[in-house]
C-alpha atoms as a PDB file:
ATOM      1  CA  MET A   1     -51.491 131.900 120.690  1.00  0.00           C
ATOM      2  CA  ASN A   2     -54.392 129.660 119.724  1.00  0.00           C
ATOM      3  CA  ARG A   3     -56.541 132.354 118.159  1.00  0.00           C
ATOM      4  CA  GLY A   4     -57.243 133.459 114.620  1.00  0.00           C
ATOM      5  CA  ALA A   5     -55.528 136.646 113.445  1.00  0.00           C
ATOM      6  CA  ALA A   6     -57.635 139.701 114.278  1.00  0.00           C
ATOM      7  CA  TYR A   7     -60.052 137.303 116.028  1.00  0.00           C
ATOM      8  CA  ARG A   8     -61.124 135.829 112.678  1.00  0.00           C
ATOM      9  CA  ASP A   9     -62.563 132.342 112.580  1.00  0.00           C
ATOM     10  CA  ILE A  10     -60.108 129.496 112.218  1.00  0.00           C
ATOM     11  CA  PHE A  11     -62.869 126.888 112.040  1.00  0.00           C
ATOM     12  CA  GLN A  12     -65.382 128.025 109.450  1.00  0.00           C
ATOM     13  CA  HIS A  13     -67.054 124.633 108.918  1.00  0.00           C
ATOM     14  CA  ASP A  14     -67.410 121.407 110.850  1.00  0.00           C
ATOM     15  CA  THR A  15     -65.112 119.793 108.283  1.00  0.00           C
ATOM     16  CA  HIS A  16     -62.352 122.171 109.460  1.00  0.00           C
ATOM     17  CA  ARG A  17     -62.864 121.003 113.049  1.00  0.00           C
ATOM     18  CA  GLU A  18     -62.851 117.357 111.960  1.00  0.00           C
ATOM     19  CA  LEU A  19     -59.608 117.812 110.018  1.00  0.00           C
ATOM     20  CA  PHE A  20     -57.997 119.599 112.965  1.00  0.00           C
ATOM     21  CA  LEU A  21     -59.021 116.778 115.324  1.00  0.00           C
ATOM     22  CA  GLU A  22     -57.715 114.164 112.898  1.00  0.00           C
ATOM     23  CA  LEU A  23     -54.333 115.919 112.734  1.00  0.00           C
ATOM     24  CA  LEU A  24     -54.369 116.335 116.512  1.00  0.00           C
ATOM     25  CA  ARG A  25     -54.934 112.577 116.879  1.00  0.00           C
ATOM     26  CA  GLU A  26     -51.925 111.908 114.665  1.00  0.00           C
ATOM     27  CA  ILE A  27     -49.539 114.131 116.612  1.00  0.00           C
ATOM     28  CA  HIS A  28     -50.941 112.755 119.885  1.00  0.00           C
ATOM     29  CA  GLU A  29     -49.857 109.297 118.736  1.00  0.00           C
ATOM     30  CA  MET A  30     -46.475 110.545 117.443  1.00  0.00           C
ATOM     31  CA  PHE A  31     -45.465 112.163 120.742  1.00  0.00           C
ATOM     32  CA  GLY A  32     -47.366 110.173 123.382  1.00  0.00           C
ATOM     33  CA  VAL A  33     -49.072 113.237 124.832  1.00  0.00           C
ATOM     34  CA  GLU A  34     -52.372 112.746 126.626  1.00  0.00           C
ATOM     35  CA  ILE A  35     -55.127 115.216 125.772  1.00  0.00           C
ATOM     36  CA  TYR A  36     -57.429 115.480 128.761  1.00  0.00           C
ATOM     37  CA  VAL A  37     -59.917 118.003 127.430  1.00  0.00           C
ATOM     38  CA  TYR A  38     -60.235 120.348 124.487  1.00  0.00           C
ATOM     39  CA  TYR A  39     -62.590 123.098 123.368  1.00  0.00           C
ATOM     40  CA  LEU A  40     -62.853 124.237 119.767  1.00  0.00           C
ATOM     41  CA  MET A  41     -64.521 127.597 119.275  1.00  0.00           C
ATOM     42  CA  ASP A  42     -64.914 129.310 115.910  1.00  0.00           C
ATOM     43  CA  ASN A  43     -61.928 131.606 116.359  1.00  0.00           C
ATOM     44  CA  HIS A  44     -59.772 129.796 118.946  1.00  0.00           C
ATOM     45  CA  TYR A  45     -59.218 126.587 120.880  1.00  0.00           C
ATOM     46  CA  HIS A  46     -58.103 125.413 124.310  1.00  0.00           C
ATOM     47  CA  PHE A  47     -56.354 122.202 125.352  1.00  0.00           C
ATOM     48  CA  HIS A  48     -55.393 120.650 128.627  1.00  0.00           C
ATOM     49  CA  TYR A  49     -52.703 118.060 128.041  1.00  0.00           C
ATOM     50  CA  GLY A  50     -49.775 116.398 129.702  1.00  0.00           C
ATOM     51  CA  SER A  51     -47.298 113.584 129.426  1.00  0.00           C
ATOM     52  CA  VAL A  52     -45.456 111.165 131.626  1.00  0.00           C
ATOM     53  CA  SER A  53     -43.154 109.830 128.923  1.00  0.00           C
ATOM     54  CA  GLY A  54     -44.029 111.792 125.784  1.00  0.00           C
ATOM     55  CA  THR A  55     -42.414 114.834 124.291  1.00  0.00           C
ATOM     56  CA  ILE A  56     -44.421 117.968 125.108  1.00  0.00           C
ATOM     57  CA  LYS A  57     -42.135 120.302 123.144  1.00  0.00           C
ATOM     58  CA  GLY A  58     -42.459 118.267 119.947  1.00  0.00           C
ATOM     59  CA  PHE A  59     -46.231 118.059 120.396  1.00  0.00           C
ATOM     60  CA  GLU A  60     -46.501 121.834 120.832  1.00  0.00           C
ATOM     61  CA  HIS A  61     -44.310 122.468 117.797  1.00  0.00           C
ATOM     62  CA  GLU A  62     -46.479 120.241 115.595  1.00  0.00           C
ATOM     63  CA  LEU A  63     -49.638 121.832 117.010  1.00  0.00           C
ATOM     64  CA  CYS A  64     -48.315 125.281 116.031  1.00  0.00           C
ATOM     65  CA  ASP A  65     -47.540 124.003 112.541  1.00  0.00           C
ATOM     66  CA  ILE A  66     -51.140 122.825 112.159  1.00  0.00           C
ATOM     67  CA  LYS A  67     -52.496 126.172 113.328  1.00  0.00           C
ATOM     68  CA  ASN A  68     -50.179 128.179 111.099  1.00  0.00           C
ATOM     69  CA  SER A  69     -50.982 126.142 108.013  1.00  0.00           C
ATOM     70  CA  ALA A  70     -54.746 126.628 108.426  1.00  0.00           C
END
């Protein structure tokens, strides 16, 4: 799930959003997954992504690691 525990904010400052997007850019490049659109709200986020030749499972695993380390 892409939501803060007990609906708490996961992005408390713009710097948190910027760091998340920077990490997202890195894993996008690592796995070749295309991110078509994303929405970052204070307490959750949404992505629409896909891949022709990339590794979706690896991308999702790394994305979970980012979320869980926040």
